[in-house]
Amino acid sequence: MIPSEFESQADAMLEKIARAVEESGADCDCEPRGSGVLEIEFPDGSRIIVNRHSAAQEIWVAARSGGYHFRFDGSDWVDTREKRELLAALAALIAEQSRTAGS
C-alpha cells in the first residue's frame, strides 16, 4: 500500500473508533491528540492510546494489558498476533480497562 493510501485508511479507522467510543456509552473519553493519535481516558486516569504507525503501516494500540499491532488485510484491520479485528479487540480492551479502572 502506498503511504497516502495507508494514511487515508488509518485515519478513516481512527475516526470510526472515535465515533464508536463516544456512541458506546462506555465510561471513558476519547480525544484526538495530534495527527493520527487517539487517547481514550478512563476515570482513574489510565489511558488507551491508538495511533497510526506509518513506517510499519499499522495501527498500534497501547493499553494497560499490553501493546497490539493491527495491519490492514484489504478489508479489515487485523491483529498481527491474535488475528482479532481492531474494533472487536478495542471493545474488549475498553471493557477490561473500565472494569479495572473502577476497582
N, C-alpha and C. Protein backbone atom coordinates (compact mmCIF):
# COMPACT_ATOMS: atom_id res chain seq x y z
N MET A 1 0.86 -1.17 0.00
CA MET A 1 0.00 0.00 0.00
C MET A 1 0.91 1.23 0.00
N ILE A 2 0.58 2.20 -0.83
CA ILE A 2 1.38 3.42 -0.86
C ILE A 2 1.09 4.24 0.41
N PRO A 3 2.04 5.06 0.85
CA PRO A 3 1.87 5.79 2.11
C PRO A 3 0.59 6.62 2.21
N SER A 4 0.21 7.31 1.15
CA SER A 4 -1.00 8.14 1.22
C SER A 4 -2.26 7.28 1.37
N GLU A 5 -2.26 6.11 0.76
CA GLU A 5 -3.39 5.18 0.89
C GLU A 5 -3.46 4.65 2.32
N PHE A 6 -2.31 4.29 2.89
CA PHE A 6 -2.28 3.84 4.27
C PHE A 6 -2.83 4.92 5.20
N GLU A 7 -2.34 6.15 5.05
CA GLU A 7 -2.78 7.23 5.95
C GLU A 7 -4.27 7.47 5.82
N SER A 8 -4.80 7.41 4.62
CA SER A 8 -6.24 7.58 4.41
C SER A 8 -7.04 6.47 5.08
N GLN A 9 -6.62 5.23 4.90
CA GLN A 9 -7.29 4.08 5.52
C GLN A 9 -7.20 4.16 7.05
N ALA A 10 -6.01 4.47 7.55
CA ALA A 10 -5.80 4.54 9.00
C ALA A 10 -6.60 5.68 9.62
N ASP A 11 -6.59 6.85 8.98
CA ASP A 11 -7.34 7.99 9.53
C ASP A 11 -8.84 7.72 9.53
N ALA A 12 -9.34 7.05 8.49
CA ALA A 12 -10.76 6.69 8.47
C ALA A 12 -11.09 5.75 9.63
N MET A 13 -10.19 4.81 9.92
CA MET A 13 -10.43 3.90 11.04
C MET A 13 -10.36 4.64 12.37
N LEU A 14 -9.43 5.56 12.53
CA LEU A 14 -9.34 6.32 13.77
C LEU A 14 -10.61 7.14 14.00
N GLU A 15 -11.16 7.72 12.94
CA GLU A 15 -12.42 8.45 13.05
C GLU A 15 -13.56 7.51 13.44
N LYS A 16 -13.58 6.33 12.85
CA LYS A 16 -14.61 5.34 13.17
C LYS A 16 -14.50 4.91 14.63
N ILE A 17 -13.28 4.73 15.12
CA ILE A 17 -13.05 4.35 16.52
C ILE A 17 -13.58 5.46 17.44
N ALA A 18 -13.23 6.70 17.14
CA ALA A 18 -13.67 7.82 17.98
C ALA A 18 -15.19 7.88 18.06
N ARG A 19 -15.87 7.73 16.93
CA ARG A 19 -17.35 7.74 16.92
C ARG A 19 -17.90 6.57 17.73
N ALA A 20 -17.34 5.39 17.52
CA ALA A 20 -17.83 4.19 18.21
C ALA A 20 -17.66 4.32 19.72
N VAL A 21 -16.53 4.85 20.17
CA VAL A 21 -16.30 5.00 21.61
C VAL A 21 -17.29 6.01 22.19
N GLU A 22 -17.46 7.14 21.52
CA GLU A 22 -18.38 8.16 22.01
C GLU A 22 -19.82 7.65 22.05
N GLU A 23 -20.22 6.85 21.06
CA GLU A 23 -21.59 6.33 21.00
C GLU A 23 -21.82 5.13 21.89
N SER A 24 -20.75 4.52 22.40
CA SER A 24 -20.87 3.28 23.17
C SER A 24 -21.44 3.47 24.57
N GLY A 25 -21.28 4.67 25.11
CA GLY A 25 -21.71 4.89 26.48
C GLY A 25 -20.71 4.39 27.50
N ALA A 26 -19.54 3.95 27.06
CA ALA A 26 -18.50 3.49 27.98
C ALA A 26 -18.05 4.67 28.84
N ASP A 27 -17.62 4.37 30.05
CA ASP A 27 -17.19 5.40 30.98
C ASP A 27 -15.74 5.80 30.68
N CYS A 28 -15.59 6.51 29.55
CA CYS A 28 -14.27 6.99 29.13
C CYS A 28 -14.48 8.13 28.15
N ASP A 29 -13.43 8.90 27.95
CA ASP A 29 -13.45 9.99 26.98
C ASP A 29 -12.46 9.67 25.88
N CYS A 30 -12.83 10.01 24.66
CA CYS A 30 -11.96 9.75 23.51
C CYS A 30 -11.65 11.09 22.84
N GLU A 31 -10.36 11.42 22.79
CA GLU A 31 -9.93 12.70 22.22
C GLU A 31 -8.79 12.48 21.22
N PRO A 32 -8.84 13.18 20.08
CA PRO A 32 -7.69 13.16 19.18
C PRO A 32 -6.54 13.93 19.82
N ARG A 33 -5.34 13.43 19.65
CA ARG A 33 -4.13 14.08 20.19
C ARG A 33 -3.11 14.19 19.07
N GLY A 34 -3.26 15.18 18.24
CA GLY A 34 -2.34 15.34 17.13
C GLY A 34 -2.72 14.46 15.96
N SER A 35 -1.94 14.52 14.93
CA SER A 35 -2.23 13.78 13.71
C SER A 35 -2.03 12.28 13.91
N GLY A 36 -3.10 11.53 13.72
CA GLY A 36 -3.00 10.07 13.76
C GLY A 36 -2.95 9.47 15.14
N VAL A 37 -3.40 10.19 16.18
CA VAL A 37 -3.36 9.67 17.54
C VAL A 37 -4.70 9.91 18.23
N LEU A 38 -5.23 8.86 18.88
CA LEU A 38 -6.42 8.97 19.73
C LEU A 38 -6.03 8.57 21.14
N GLU A 39 -6.58 9.28 22.11
CA GLU A 39 -6.35 8.95 23.50
C GLU A 39 -7.71 8.67 24.14
N ILE A 40 -7.84 7.48 24.72
CA ILE A 40 -9.06 7.09 25.42
C ILE A 40 -8.71 7.11 26.90
N GLU A 41 -9.36 8.03 27.64
CA GLU A 41 -9.02 8.22 29.05
C GLU A 41 -10.16 7.72 29.93
N PHE A 42 -9.78 7.05 31.02
CA PHE A 42 -10.72 6.47 31.97
C PHE A 42 -10.75 7.30 33.25
N PRO A 43 -11.80 7.15 34.06
CA PRO A 43 -11.93 7.95 35.28
C PRO A 43 -10.74 7.86 36.24
N ASP A 44 -10.02 6.74 36.24
CA ASP A 44 -8.88 6.60 37.15
C ASP A 44 -7.61 7.22 36.58
N GLY A 45 -7.71 7.86 35.39
CA GLY A 45 -6.56 8.49 34.77
C GLY A 45 -5.79 7.59 33.83
N SER A 46 -6.12 6.30 33.79
CA SER A 46 -5.45 5.39 32.86
C SER A 46 -5.90 5.71 31.44
N ARG A 47 -5.12 5.26 30.47
CA ARG A 47 -5.39 5.59 29.07
C ARG A 47 -5.15 4.38 28.17
N ILE A 48 -5.85 4.40 27.05
CA ILE A 48 -5.53 3.55 25.91
C ILE A 48 -5.16 4.52 24.79
N ILE A 49 -4.01 4.30 24.18
CA ILE A 49 -3.56 5.15 23.08
C ILE A 49 -3.65 4.34 21.79
N VAL A 50 -4.28 4.94 20.79
CA VAL A 50 -4.41 4.32 19.47
C VAL A 50 -3.74 5.26 18.48
N ASN A 51 -2.78 4.75 17.74
CA ASN A 51 -2.11 5.63 16.78
C ASN A 51 -1.73 4.88 15.51
N ARG A 52 -1.64 5.66 14.44
CA ARG A 52 -1.17 5.08 13.19
C ARG A 52 0.35 5.12 13.20
N HIS A 53 0.94 4.05 12.75
CA HIS A 53 2.40 3.97 12.67
C HIS A 53 2.74 3.81 11.20
N SER A 54 3.08 4.93 10.58
CA SER A 54 3.26 4.96 9.13
C SER A 54 4.41 4.08 8.64
N ALA A 55 5.51 4.06 9.37
CA ALA A 55 6.66 3.27 8.91
C ALA A 55 6.32 1.79 8.79
N ALA A 56 5.55 1.27 9.74
CA ALA A 56 5.16 -0.15 9.71
C ALA A 56 3.84 -0.37 8.98
N GLN A 57 3.16 0.72 8.62
CA GLN A 57 1.83 0.67 8.02
C GLN A 57 0.87 -0.15 8.89
N GLU A 58 0.86 0.21 10.17
CA GLU A 58 0.00 -0.47 11.15
C GLU A 58 -0.67 0.57 12.04
N ILE A 59 -1.75 0.15 12.69
CA ILE A 59 -2.35 0.92 13.77
C ILE A 59 -1.92 0.23 15.04
N TRP A 60 -1.34 1.00 15.95
CA TRP A 60 -0.86 0.45 17.21
C TRP A 60 -1.78 0.87 18.34
N VAL A 61 -2.00 -0.05 19.27
CA VAL A 61 -2.83 0.20 20.45
C VAL A 61 -1.99 -0.13 21.68
N ALA A 62 -1.91 0.84 22.59
CA ALA A 62 -1.22 0.63 23.86
C ALA A 62 -2.27 0.72 24.97
N ALA A 63 -2.45 -0.38 25.69
CA ALA A 63 -3.43 -0.47 26.77
C ALA A 63 -2.73 -0.96 28.02
N ARG A 64 -3.44 -0.92 29.12
CA ARG A 64 -2.86 -1.41 30.37
C ARG A 64 -2.41 -2.85 30.23
N SER A 65 -3.14 -3.64 29.45
CA SER A 65 -2.83 -5.06 29.32
C SER A 65 -1.72 -5.37 28.31
N GLY A 66 -1.28 -4.36 27.55
CA GLY A 66 -0.19 -4.60 26.61
C GLY A 66 -0.29 -3.78 25.35
N GLY A 67 0.59 -4.07 24.40
CA GLY A 67 0.62 -3.38 23.13
C GLY A 67 0.18 -4.31 22.01
N TYR A 68 -0.51 -3.75 21.04
CA TYR A 68 -1.09 -4.54 19.95
C TYR A 68 -0.86 -3.81 18.63
N HIS A 69 -0.60 -4.58 17.57
CA HIS A 69 -0.36 -4.03 16.24
C HIS A 69 -1.42 -4.59 15.29
N PHE A 70 -2.02 -3.71 14.50
CA PHE A 70 -3.06 -4.11 13.56
C PHE A 70 -2.66 -3.70 12.16
N ARG A 71 -2.79 -4.63 11.22
CA ARG A 71 -2.41 -4.38 9.83
C ARG A 71 -3.66 -4.56 8.96
N PHE A 72 -3.79 -3.70 7.96
CA PHE A 72 -4.92 -3.76 7.04
C PHE A 72 -4.74 -4.93 6.09
N ASP A 73 -5.75 -5.82 6.03
CA ASP A 73 -5.63 -7.02 5.18
C ASP A 73 -6.41 -6.89 3.86
N GLY A 74 -6.83 -5.67 3.55
CA GLY A 74 -7.61 -5.45 2.34
C GLY A 74 -9.06 -5.17 2.64
N SER A 75 -9.53 -5.62 3.81
CA SER A 75 -10.91 -5.33 4.21
C SER A 75 -11.03 -4.96 5.69
N ASP A 76 -10.15 -5.46 6.54
CA ASP A 76 -10.21 -5.19 7.97
C ASP A 76 -8.82 -4.92 8.53
N TRP A 77 -8.78 -4.24 9.68
CA TRP A 77 -7.54 -4.09 10.44
C TRP A 77 -7.48 -5.26 11.40
N VAL A 78 -6.43 -6.09 11.28
CA VAL A 78 -6.34 -7.35 11.99
C VAL A 78 -5.06 -7.39 12.83
N ASP A 79 -5.20 -7.87 14.07
CA ASP A 79 -4.07 -8.01 14.98
C ASP A 79 -3.04 -8.94 14.36
N THR A 80 -1.78 -8.52 14.37
CA THR A 80 -0.73 -9.30 13.72
C THR A 80 -0.40 -10.58 14.48
N ARG A 81 -0.79 -10.71 15.74
CA ARG A 81 -0.51 -11.93 16.50
C ARG A 81 -1.75 -12.79 16.68
N GLU A 82 -2.82 -12.20 17.18
CA GLU A 82 -4.01 -12.99 17.54
C GLU A 82 -5.07 -13.01 16.46
N LYS A 83 -4.88 -12.24 15.40
CA LYS A 83 -5.79 -12.19 14.25
C LYS A 83 -7.18 -11.68 14.62
N ARG A 84 -7.27 -10.87 15.68
CA ARG A 84 -8.56 -10.25 16.05
C ARG A 84 -8.75 -8.98 15.24
N GLU A 85 -10.00 -8.66 14.92
CA GLU A 85 -10.34 -7.44 14.22
C GLU A 85 -10.21 -6.27 15.19
N LEU A 86 -9.75 -5.13 14.72
CA LEU A 86 -9.42 -3.98 15.57
C LEU A 86 -10.58 -3.51 16.43
N LEU A 87 -11.76 -3.27 15.87
CA LEU A 87 -12.87 -2.75 16.67
C LEU A 87 -13.29 -3.74 17.76
N ALA A 88 -13.31 -5.02 17.44
CA ALA A 88 -13.68 -6.03 18.44
C ALA A 88 -12.62 -6.10 19.54
N ALA A 89 -11.36 -6.06 19.15
CA ALA A 89 -10.28 -6.11 20.14
C ALA A 89 -10.32 -4.87 21.02
N LEU A 90 -10.54 -3.70 20.43
CA LEU A 90 -10.57 -2.47 21.20
C LEU A 90 -11.77 -2.44 22.15
N ALA A 91 -12.91 -2.96 21.71
CA ALA A 91 -14.08 -3.03 22.61
C ALA A 91 -13.76 -3.88 23.83
N ALA A 92 -13.08 -5.00 23.62
CA ALA A 92 -12.70 -5.86 24.74
C ALA A 92 -11.69 -5.17 25.66
N LEU A 93 -10.73 -4.46 25.07
CA LEU A 93 -9.73 -3.75 25.87
C LEU A 93 -10.37 -2.63 26.69
N ILE A 94 -11.32 -1.91 26.09
CA ILE A 94 -12.01 -0.84 26.82
C ILE A 94 -12.84 -1.42 27.96
N ALA A 95 -13.55 -2.51 27.70
CA ALA A 95 -14.34 -3.15 28.76
C ALA A 95 -13.43 -3.62 29.89
N GLU A 96 -12.32 -4.23 29.55
CA GLU A 96 -11.38 -4.72 30.55
C GLU A 96 -10.80 -3.57 31.37
N GLN A 97 -10.36 -2.52 30.68
CA GLN A 97 -9.75 -1.41 31.39
C GLN A 97 -10.80 -0.64 32.20
N SER A 98 -12.05 -0.59 31.74
CA SER A 98 -13.12 0.05 32.51
C SER A 98 -13.35 -0.70 33.82
N ARG A 99 -13.31 -2.03 33.76
CA ARG A 99 -13.51 -2.83 34.99
C ARG A 99 -12.38 -2.58 35.97
N THR A 100 -11.14 -2.55 35.48
CA THR A 100 -10.01 -2.36 36.39
C THR A 100 -9.93 -0.91 36.88
N ALA A 101 -10.46 0.03 36.07
CA ALA A 101 -10.46 1.44 36.48
C ALA A 101 -11.43 1.66 37.63
N GLY A 102 -12.49 0.86 37.65
CA GLY A 102 -13.49 1.01 38.71
C GLY A 102 -13.15 0.28 39.97
N SER A 103 -12.06 -0.50 39.96
CA SER A 103 -11.67 -1.30 41.14
C SER A 103 -11.00 -0.45 42.18
